[in-house]
């Protein structure tokens, strides 16, 4: 069993929130729509009003993502900012904070990645669990990654 004591920082939360925001299907829809209508407006003699129709929803989507990430990272009372003990067991990942404990079976995860200074474990339901790399010693990283590769194949 591998045990990690970690504390997610607001900066990690902010970056992960932004990353998840721009990985959603709706981001690509707005981006492609804005790009397509912009190309149409520049190559044809269509009203420049088309550019407003293209870019206002896209920019609004980006601003809302920034605002939500900022607000979420400034709420110090959230459970994801509490010091957490992660126990990597054979059957499940156990999480324990001062507010309680939970257990997530390895089958409930769809993938994991090493991004923005964290191990980010993606659940099938869409949520994520982020474990800051700064709380994992360099000598333990290979063991953690090998364990994750066994339990959550990429």
N, C-alpha and C. Protein backbone atom coordinates (compact mmCIF):
# COMPACT_ATOMS: atom_id res chain seq x y z
N UNK A 1 0.85 -1.19 0.00
CA UNK A 1 0.00 0.00 0.00
C UNK A 1 0.89 1.24 0.00
N UNK A 2 0.47 2.23 -0.78
CA UNK A 2 1.18 3.51 -0.84
C UNK A 2 0.33 4.54 -0.12
N UNK A 3 0.96 5.34 0.73
CA UNK A 3 0.25 6.39 1.46
C UNK A 3 0.90 7.73 1.13
N UNK A 4 0.05 8.70 0.79
CA UNK A 4 0.52 10.06 0.49
C UNK A 4 -0.30 11.04 1.33
N UNK A 5 0.40 11.89 2.03
CA UNK A 5 -0.23 13.00 2.75
C UNK A 5 -0.07 14.23 1.86
N UNK A 6 -1.18 14.85 1.47
CA UNK A 6 -1.10 15.97 0.52
C UNK A 6 -2.06 17.08 0.88
N UNK A 7 -1.78 18.23 0.31
CA UNK A 7 -2.60 19.43 0.55
C UNK A 7 -2.70 20.18 -0.78
N UNK A 8 -3.87 20.16 -1.40
CA UNK A 8 -4.08 20.85 -2.67
C UNK A 8 -4.07 22.36 -2.45
N UNK A 9 -3.28 23.06 -3.23
CA UNK A 9 -3.17 24.51 -3.11
C UNK A 9 -4.15 25.19 -4.06
N UNK A 10 -4.57 26.42 -3.75
CA UNK A 10 -5.48 27.15 -4.64
C UNK A 10 -4.96 27.29 -6.07
N UNK A 11 -3.67 27.47 -6.23
CA UNK A 11 -3.10 27.59 -7.57
C UNK A 11 -3.30 26.32 -8.39
N UNK A 12 -3.12 25.17 -7.75
CA UNK A 12 -3.37 23.90 -8.43
C UNK A 12 -4.83 23.80 -8.86
N UNK A 13 -5.73 24.12 -7.92
CA UNK A 13 -7.16 24.05 -8.22
C UNK A 13 -7.51 24.96 -9.39
N UNK A 14 -6.99 26.18 -9.39
CA UNK A 14 -7.27 27.14 -10.46
C UNK A 14 -6.84 26.59 -11.82
N UNK A 15 -5.60 26.09 -11.89
CA UNK A 15 -5.08 25.57 -13.16
C UNK A 15 -5.83 24.34 -13.63
N UNK A 16 -6.16 23.45 -12.72
CA UNK A 16 -6.91 22.24 -13.10
C UNK A 16 -8.32 22.62 -13.56
N UNK A 17 -8.95 23.57 -12.89
CA UNK A 17 -10.29 24.02 -13.29
C UNK A 17 -10.27 24.62 -14.70
N UNK A 18 -9.27 25.45 -14.97
CA UNK A 18 -9.16 26.04 -16.30
C UNK A 18 -8.92 24.97 -17.36
N UNK A 19 -8.04 24.05 -17.06
CA UNK A 19 -7.74 22.98 -18.00
C UNK A 19 -8.99 22.17 -18.31
N UNK A 20 -9.74 21.82 -17.29
CA UNK A 20 -10.98 21.06 -17.50
C UNK A 20 -12.00 21.87 -18.28
N UNK A 21 -12.03 23.18 -18.05
CA UNK A 21 -12.99 24.04 -18.75
C UNK A 21 -12.73 24.05 -20.26
N UNK A 22 -11.46 24.12 -20.64
CA UNK A 22 -11.16 24.17 -22.07
C UNK A 22 -11.08 22.79 -22.71
N UNK A 23 -11.24 21.75 -21.93
CA UNK A 23 -11.28 20.39 -22.49
C UNK A 23 -12.71 19.91 -22.74
N UNK A 24 -13.68 20.72 -22.36
CA UNK A 24 -15.08 20.32 -22.57
C UNK A 24 -15.46 20.45 -24.04
N UNK A 25 -16.42 19.66 -24.45
CA UNK A 25 -16.91 19.69 -25.83
C UNK A 25 -17.46 21.07 -26.18
N UNK A 26 -18.09 21.73 -25.23
CA UNK A 26 -18.66 23.05 -25.51
C UNK A 26 -17.58 24.07 -25.88
N UNK A 27 -16.39 23.96 -25.30
CA UNK A 27 -15.30 24.86 -25.67
C UNK A 27 -14.98 24.70 -27.16
N UNK A 28 -14.86 23.47 -27.61
CA UNK A 28 -14.52 23.23 -29.02
C UNK A 28 -15.65 23.68 -29.94
N UNK A 29 -16.89 23.52 -29.50
CA UNK A 29 -18.02 23.99 -30.29
C UNK A 29 -17.94 25.51 -30.48
N UNK A 30 -17.77 26.23 -29.36
CA UNK A 30 -17.69 27.70 -29.45
C UNK A 30 -16.47 28.15 -30.25
N UNK A 31 -15.33 27.51 -30.04
CA UNK A 31 -14.11 27.89 -30.75
C UNK A 31 -14.24 27.66 -32.25
N UNK A 32 -14.75 26.49 -32.63
CA UNK A 32 -14.91 26.19 -34.06
C UNK A 32 -15.97 27.08 -34.71
N UNK A 33 -17.04 27.36 -33.99
CA UNK A 33 -18.08 28.24 -34.52
C UNK A 33 -17.51 29.65 -34.72
N UNK A 34 -16.78 30.14 -33.74
CA UNK A 34 -16.19 31.48 -33.87
C UNK A 34 -15.19 31.52 -35.02
N UNK A 35 -14.37 30.49 -35.14
CA UNK A 35 -13.39 30.46 -36.22
C UNK A 35 -14.07 30.37 -37.59
N UNK A 36 -15.07 29.52 -37.70
CA UNK A 36 -15.78 29.36 -38.97
C UNK A 36 -16.51 30.61 -39.40
N UNK A 37 -17.22 31.25 -38.47
CA UNK A 37 -17.94 32.48 -38.82
C UNK A 37 -16.97 33.63 -39.09
N UNK A 38 -15.82 33.64 -38.42
CA UNK A 38 -14.81 34.66 -38.69
C UNK A 38 -14.25 34.48 -40.10
N UNK A 39 -13.97 33.26 -40.47
CA UNK A 39 -13.46 32.99 -41.82
C UNK A 39 -14.50 33.39 -42.85
N UNK A 40 -15.75 33.10 -42.57
CA UNK A 40 -16.83 33.48 -43.48
C UNK A 40 -16.91 35.00 -43.61
N UNK A 41 -16.82 35.70 -42.49
CA UNK A 41 -16.91 37.16 -42.51
C UNK A 41 -15.73 37.80 -43.26
N UNK A 42 -14.56 37.22 -43.15
CA UNK A 42 -13.39 37.80 -43.82
C UNK A 42 -13.31 37.46 -45.30
N UNK A 43 -13.85 36.33 -45.70
CA UNK A 43 -13.74 35.92 -47.11
C UNK A 43 -14.94 36.33 -47.95
N UNK A 44 -16.03 36.61 -47.31
CA UNK A 44 -17.23 36.98 -48.07
C UNK A 44 -17.67 38.38 -47.65
N UNK A 45 -18.59 38.88 -48.36
CA UNK A 45 -19.10 40.21 -48.05
C UNK A 45 -20.32 40.09 -47.14
N UNK A 46 -20.06 39.56 -45.96
CA UNK A 46 -21.14 39.45 -44.97
C UNK A 46 -20.92 40.56 -43.93
N UNK A 47 -21.95 40.87 -43.24
CA UNK A 47 -21.90 41.92 -42.24
C UNK A 47 -20.89 41.57 -41.14
N UNK A 48 -20.25 42.60 -40.64
CA UNK A 48 -19.31 42.38 -39.53
C UNK A 48 -20.06 42.02 -38.25
N UNK A 49 -21.38 42.11 -38.30
CA UNK A 49 -22.21 41.68 -37.18
C UNK A 49 -22.02 40.18 -36.94
N UNK A 50 -21.67 39.46 -38.00
CA UNK A 50 -21.41 38.01 -37.88
C UNK A 50 -20.26 37.76 -36.91
N UNK A 51 -19.26 38.67 -36.89
CA UNK A 51 -18.15 38.52 -35.96
C UNK A 51 -18.61 38.63 -34.51
N UNK A 52 -19.55 39.53 -34.26
CA UNK A 52 -20.10 39.63 -32.91
C UNK A 52 -20.84 38.36 -32.53
N UNK A 53 -21.63 37.87 -33.45
CA UNK A 53 -22.39 36.63 -33.21
C UNK A 53 -21.43 35.48 -32.94
N UNK A 54 -20.28 35.50 -33.60
CA UNK A 54 -19.30 34.42 -33.45
C UNK A 54 -18.52 34.53 -32.15
N UNK A 55 -18.08 35.72 -31.81
CA UNK A 55 -17.13 35.86 -30.72
C UNK A 55 -17.73 36.15 -29.35
N UNK A 56 -18.89 36.75 -29.29
CA UNK A 56 -19.47 37.04 -27.97
C UNK A 56 -19.73 35.77 -27.16
N UNK A 57 -20.35 34.73 -27.72
CA UNK A 57 -20.54 33.51 -26.92
C UNK A 57 -19.21 32.84 -26.52
N UNK A 58 -18.24 32.85 -27.42
CA UNK A 58 -16.96 32.22 -27.14
C UNK A 58 -16.22 32.96 -26.02
N UNK A 59 -16.15 34.28 -26.12
CA UNK A 59 -15.48 35.07 -25.09
C UNK A 59 -16.22 34.96 -23.76
N UNK A 60 -17.55 34.95 -23.81
CA UNK A 60 -18.34 34.77 -22.59
C UNK A 60 -18.03 33.43 -21.93
N UNK A 61 -17.94 32.38 -22.74
CA UNK A 61 -17.61 31.05 -22.23
C UNK A 61 -16.24 31.07 -21.54
N UNK A 62 -15.25 31.71 -22.16
CA UNK A 62 -13.91 31.78 -21.58
C UNK A 62 -13.91 32.58 -20.27
N UNK A 63 -14.60 33.70 -20.26
CA UNK A 63 -14.65 34.54 -19.05
C UNK A 63 -15.34 33.80 -17.91
N UNK A 64 -16.43 33.11 -18.20
CA UNK A 64 -17.12 32.35 -17.16
C UNK A 64 -16.21 31.26 -16.58
N UNK A 65 -15.43 30.62 -17.43
CA UNK A 65 -14.49 29.61 -16.95
C UNK A 65 -13.44 30.21 -16.03
N UNK A 66 -12.91 31.37 -16.41
CA UNK A 66 -11.94 32.06 -15.56
C UNK A 66 -12.54 32.46 -14.22
N UNK A 67 -13.73 33.02 -14.26
CA UNK A 67 -14.40 33.47 -13.04
C UNK A 67 -14.68 32.28 -12.12
N UNK A 68 -15.23 31.20 -12.67
CA UNK A 68 -15.52 30.02 -11.85
C UNK A 68 -14.26 29.42 -11.24
N UNK A 69 -13.18 29.36 -12.01
CA UNK A 69 -11.92 28.83 -11.49
C UNK A 69 -11.37 29.74 -10.39
N UNK A 70 -11.45 31.03 -10.60
CA UNK A 70 -10.96 31.99 -9.60
C UNK A 70 -11.77 31.89 -8.31
N UNK A 71 -13.08 31.93 -8.44
CA UNK A 71 -13.95 31.86 -7.25
C UNK A 71 -13.74 30.54 -6.50
N UNK A 72 -13.66 29.44 -7.23
CA UNK A 72 -13.44 28.14 -6.60
C UNK A 72 -12.11 28.05 -5.88
N UNK A 73 -11.10 28.73 -6.42
CA UNK A 73 -9.78 28.67 -5.80
C UNK A 73 -9.65 29.61 -4.61
N UNK A 74 -10.59 30.48 -4.41
CA UNK A 74 -10.54 31.44 -3.30
C UNK A 74 -11.43 31.03 -2.12
N UNK A 75 -12.09 29.91 -2.22
CA UNK A 75 -12.98 29.46 -1.14
C UNK A 75 -12.22 28.47 -0.27
N UNK A 76 -11.52 29.00 0.71
CA UNK A 76 -10.64 28.20 1.56
C UNK A 76 -11.39 27.17 2.40
N UNK A 77 -12.71 27.31 2.53
CA UNK A 77 -13.48 26.38 3.36
C UNK A 77 -13.89 25.11 2.62
N UNK A 78 -13.47 24.95 1.39
CA UNK A 78 -13.85 23.77 0.61
C UNK A 78 -13.06 22.54 1.03
N UNK A 79 -13.71 21.37 1.01
CA UNK A 79 -13.03 20.14 1.45
C UNK A 79 -11.81 19.77 0.61
N UNK A 80 -11.80 20.17 -0.66
CA UNK A 80 -10.65 19.80 -1.50
C UNK A 80 -9.38 20.54 -1.12
N UNK A 81 -9.46 21.55 -0.25
CA UNK A 81 -8.27 22.25 0.22
C UNK A 81 -7.76 21.74 1.57
N UNK A 82 -8.46 20.78 2.15
CA UNK A 82 -8.02 20.23 3.43
C UNK A 82 -6.84 19.28 3.24
N UNK A 83 -5.95 19.20 4.22
CA UNK A 83 -4.91 18.18 4.16
C UNK A 83 -5.58 16.80 4.05
N UNK A 84 -5.11 16.02 3.10
CA UNK A 84 -5.76 14.74 2.80
C UNK A 84 -4.75 13.61 2.83
N UNK A 85 -5.19 12.49 3.35
CA UNK A 85 -4.38 11.26 3.35
C UNK A 85 -4.94 10.36 2.26
N UNK A 86 -4.10 10.01 1.30
CA UNK A 86 -4.49 9.11 0.20
C UNK A 86 -3.84 7.76 0.44
N UNK A 87 -4.66 6.74 0.52
CA UNK A 87 -4.15 5.38 0.70
C UNK A 87 -4.46 4.59 -0.56
N UNK A 88 -3.42 4.19 -1.26
CA UNK A 88 -3.56 3.43 -2.50
C UNK A 88 -3.61 1.95 -2.13
N UNK A 89 -4.81 1.41 -1.99
CA UNK A 89 -4.97 0.01 -1.63
C UNK A 89 -5.18 -0.86 -2.85
N UNK A 90 -5.21 -2.16 -2.65
CA UNK A 90 -5.39 -3.09 -3.76
C UNK A 90 -6.75 -2.94 -4.44
N UNK A 91 -7.78 -2.67 -3.67
CA UNK A 91 -9.14 -2.60 -4.22
C UNK A 91 -9.64 -1.19 -4.48
N UNK A 92 -9.10 -0.21 -3.73
CA UNK A 92 -9.65 1.15 -3.81
C UNK A 92 -8.65 2.20 -3.36
N UNK A 93 -8.97 3.43 -3.71
CA UNK A 93 -8.25 4.60 -3.21
C UNK A 93 -9.04 5.13 -2.03
N UNK A 94 -8.40 5.21 -0.88
CA UNK A 94 -9.07 5.72 0.32
C UNK A 94 -8.59 7.14 0.57
N UNK A 95 -9.55 8.04 0.82
CA UNK A 95 -9.24 9.43 1.10
C UNK A 95 -9.73 9.76 2.50
N UNK A 96 -8.90 10.47 3.26
CA UNK A 96 -9.28 10.82 4.62
C UNK A 96 -8.87 12.26 4.90
N UNK A 97 -9.83 13.05 5.39
CA UNK A 97 -9.57 14.43 5.81
C UNK A 97 -10.11 14.59 7.22
N UNK A 98 -9.97 15.79 7.77
CA UNK A 98 -10.50 16.05 9.11
C UNK A 98 -12.03 16.04 9.12
N UNK A 99 -12.65 16.16 7.93
CA UNK A 99 -14.12 16.17 7.85
C UNK A 99 -14.72 14.79 7.57
N UNK A 100 -13.90 13.81 7.23
CA UNK A 100 -14.45 12.49 6.95
C UNK A 100 -13.55 11.66 6.06
N UNK A 101 -14.09 10.53 5.65
CA UNK A 101 -13.32 9.60 4.83
C UNK A 101 -14.22 9.04 3.73
N UNK A 102 -13.59 8.65 2.63
CA UNK A 102 -14.33 8.00 1.56
C UNK A 102 -13.41 7.01 0.86
N UNK A 103 -14.02 6.19 0.05
CA UNK A 103 -13.28 5.15 -0.66
C UNK A 103 -13.81 5.08 -2.08
N UNK A 104 -12.90 5.05 -3.05
CA UNK A 104 -13.29 4.98 -4.45
C UNK A 104 -12.63 3.74 -5.06
N UNK A 105 -13.45 2.83 -5.57
CA UNK A 105 -12.92 1.62 -6.19
C UNK A 105 -12.14 1.98 -7.45
N UNK A 106 -11.10 1.22 -7.74
CA UNK A 106 -10.27 1.50 -8.92
C UNK A 106 -11.08 1.40 -10.21
N UNK A 107 -12.12 0.60 -10.23
CA UNK A 107 -12.96 0.48 -11.40
C UNK A 107 -13.78 1.73 -11.70
N UNK A 108 -13.85 2.66 -10.73
CA UNK A 108 -14.60 3.90 -10.91
C UNK A 108 -13.78 4.99 -11.61
N UNK A 109 -12.50 4.69 -11.89
CA UNK A 109 -11.64 5.65 -12.57
C UNK A 109 -11.53 5.29 -14.05
N UNK A 110 -11.47 6.31 -14.90
CA UNK A 110 -11.33 6.05 -16.34
C UNK A 110 -9.92 6.31 -16.83
N UNK A 111 -9.18 7.22 -16.18
CA UNK A 111 -7.81 7.51 -16.58
C UNK A 111 -7.13 8.34 -15.51
N UNK A 112 -5.82 8.48 -15.68
CA UNK A 112 -5.05 9.38 -14.83
C UNK A 112 -3.98 10.05 -15.70
N UNK A 113 -3.58 11.24 -15.26
CA UNK A 113 -2.54 11.99 -15.98
C UNK A 113 -1.73 12.79 -14.98
N UNK A 114 -0.56 13.15 -15.43
CA UNK A 114 0.31 14.01 -14.65
C UNK A 114 0.26 15.38 -15.32
N UNK A 115 -0.50 16.31 -14.76
CA UNK A 115 -0.66 17.65 -15.35
C UNK A 115 -0.64 18.73 -14.27
N UNK A 116 -0.23 19.91 -14.66
CA UNK A 116 -0.15 21.11 -13.83
C UNK A 116 0.35 20.83 -12.41
N UNK A 117 1.38 20.01 -12.31
CA UNK A 117 1.99 19.74 -11.01
C UNK A 117 1.20 18.80 -10.12
N UNK A 118 0.32 18.00 -10.71
CA UNK A 118 -0.50 17.07 -9.92
C UNK A 118 -0.69 15.76 -10.66
N UNK A 119 -0.94 14.72 -9.89
CA UNK A 119 -1.52 13.51 -10.47
C UNK A 119 -3.01 13.78 -10.48
N UNK A 120 -3.62 13.76 -11.65
CA UNK A 120 -5.06 14.00 -11.75
C UNK A 120 -5.71 12.68 -12.14
N UNK A 121 -6.58 12.18 -11.27
CA UNK A 121 -7.29 10.93 -11.48
C UNK A 121 -8.72 11.27 -11.89
N UNK A 122 -9.11 10.82 -13.08
CA UNK A 122 -10.43 11.15 -13.63
C UNK A 122 -11.40 10.02 -13.32
N UNK A 123 -12.50 10.36 -12.68
CA UNK A 123 -13.53 9.38 -12.38
C UNK A 123 -14.47 9.23 -13.57
N UNK A 124 -15.10 8.06 -13.69
CA UNK A 124 -16.05 7.83 -14.78
C UNK A 124 -17.19 8.84 -14.75
N UNK A 125 -17.57 9.30 -13.56
CA UNK A 125 -18.69 10.23 -13.42
C UNK A 125 -18.32 11.66 -13.82
N UNK A 126 -17.04 11.91 -14.09
CA UNK A 126 -16.64 13.24 -14.55
C UNK A 126 -15.83 14.05 -13.55
N UNK A 127 -15.90 13.71 -12.28
CA UNK A 127 -15.12 14.44 -11.28
C UNK A 127 -13.66 14.03 -11.35
N UNK A 128 -12.81 14.77 -10.66
CA UNK A 128 -11.39 14.44 -10.62
C UNK A 128 -10.88 14.47 -9.19
N UNK A 129 -9.80 13.76 -8.97
CA UNK A 129 -9.07 13.81 -7.71
C UNK A 129 -7.66 14.24 -8.07
N UNK A 130 -7.19 15.32 -7.46
CA UNK A 130 -5.86 15.85 -7.76
C UNK A 130 -4.94 15.68 -6.56
N UNK A 131 -3.78 15.09 -6.80
CA UNK A 131 -2.78 14.89 -5.76
C UNK A 131 -1.53 15.66 -6.18
N UNK A 132 -1.19 16.72 -5.45
CA UNK A 132 -0.03 17.53 -5.82
C UNK A 132 1.27 16.73 -5.83
N UNK A 133 2.05 16.91 -6.88
CA UNK A 133 3.34 16.23 -7.00
C UNK A 133 4.33 16.67 -5.94
N UNK A 134 4.18 17.90 -5.46
CA UNK A 134 5.12 18.40 -4.45
C UNK A 134 5.05 17.61 -3.15
N UNK A 135 3.95 16.86 -2.96
CA UNK A 135 3.82 16.04 -1.76
C UNK A 135 4.27 14.60 -1.96
N UNK A 136 4.79 14.31 -3.15
CA UNK A 136 5.30 12.98 -3.46
C UNK A 136 6.80 13.12 -3.70
N UNK A 137 7.59 12.42 -2.91
CA UNK A 137 9.04 12.53 -3.09
C UNK A 137 9.43 11.95 -4.44
N UNK A 138 10.51 12.49 -4.99
CA UNK A 138 10.99 12.04 -6.31
C UNK A 138 11.26 10.54 -6.33
N UNK A 139 11.74 10.00 -5.22
CA UNK A 139 12.05 8.57 -5.17
C UNK A 139 10.78 7.71 -5.18
N UNK A 140 9.64 8.28 -4.76
CA UNK A 140 8.39 7.52 -4.71
C UNK A 140 7.56 7.67 -5.99
N UNK A 141 7.87 8.66 -6.82
CA UNK A 141 7.10 8.88 -8.05
C UNK A 141 7.01 7.65 -8.94
N UNK A 142 8.12 6.95 -9.21
CA UNK A 142 8.00 5.76 -10.05
C UNK A 142 7.07 4.69 -9.47
N UNK A 143 7.12 4.51 -8.16
CA UNK A 143 6.24 3.52 -7.53
C UNK A 143 4.78 3.93 -7.65
N UNK A 144 4.50 5.21 -7.44
CA UNK A 144 3.12 5.71 -7.56
C UNK A 144 2.63 5.54 -9.00
N UNK A 145 3.46 5.92 -9.96
CA UNK A 145 3.06 5.82 -11.36
C UNK A 145 2.88 4.37 -11.81
N UNK A 146 3.75 3.48 -11.37
CA UNK A 146 3.59 2.06 -11.69
C UNK A 146 2.29 1.52 -11.10
N UNK A 147 2.00 1.92 -9.87
CA UNK A 147 0.76 1.48 -9.22
C UNK A 147 -0.46 1.99 -10.00
N UNK A 148 -0.44 3.27 -10.38
CA UNK A 148 -1.57 3.83 -11.13
C UNK A 148 -1.72 3.17 -12.50
N UNK A 149 -0.60 2.85 -13.14
CA UNK A 149 -0.65 2.16 -14.44
C UNK A 149 -1.31 0.78 -14.32
N UNK A 150 -1.07 0.12 -13.20
CA UNK A 150 -1.68 -1.20 -12.98
C UNK A 150 -3.17 -1.08 -12.71
N UNK A 151 -3.54 -0.10 -11.92
CA UNK A 151 -4.94 0.02 -11.48
C UNK A 151 -5.83 0.80 -12.44
N UNK A 152 -5.25 1.78 -13.15
CA UNK A 152 -6.02 2.61 -14.09
C UNK A 152 -5.24 2.64 -15.40
N UNK A 153 -5.40 1.65 -16.23
CA UNK A 153 -4.65 1.64 -17.50
C UNK A 153 -5.01 2.86 -18.35
N UNK A 154 -4.00 3.43 -18.99
CA UNK A 154 -4.22 4.62 -19.84
C UNK A 154 -4.88 4.25 -21.15
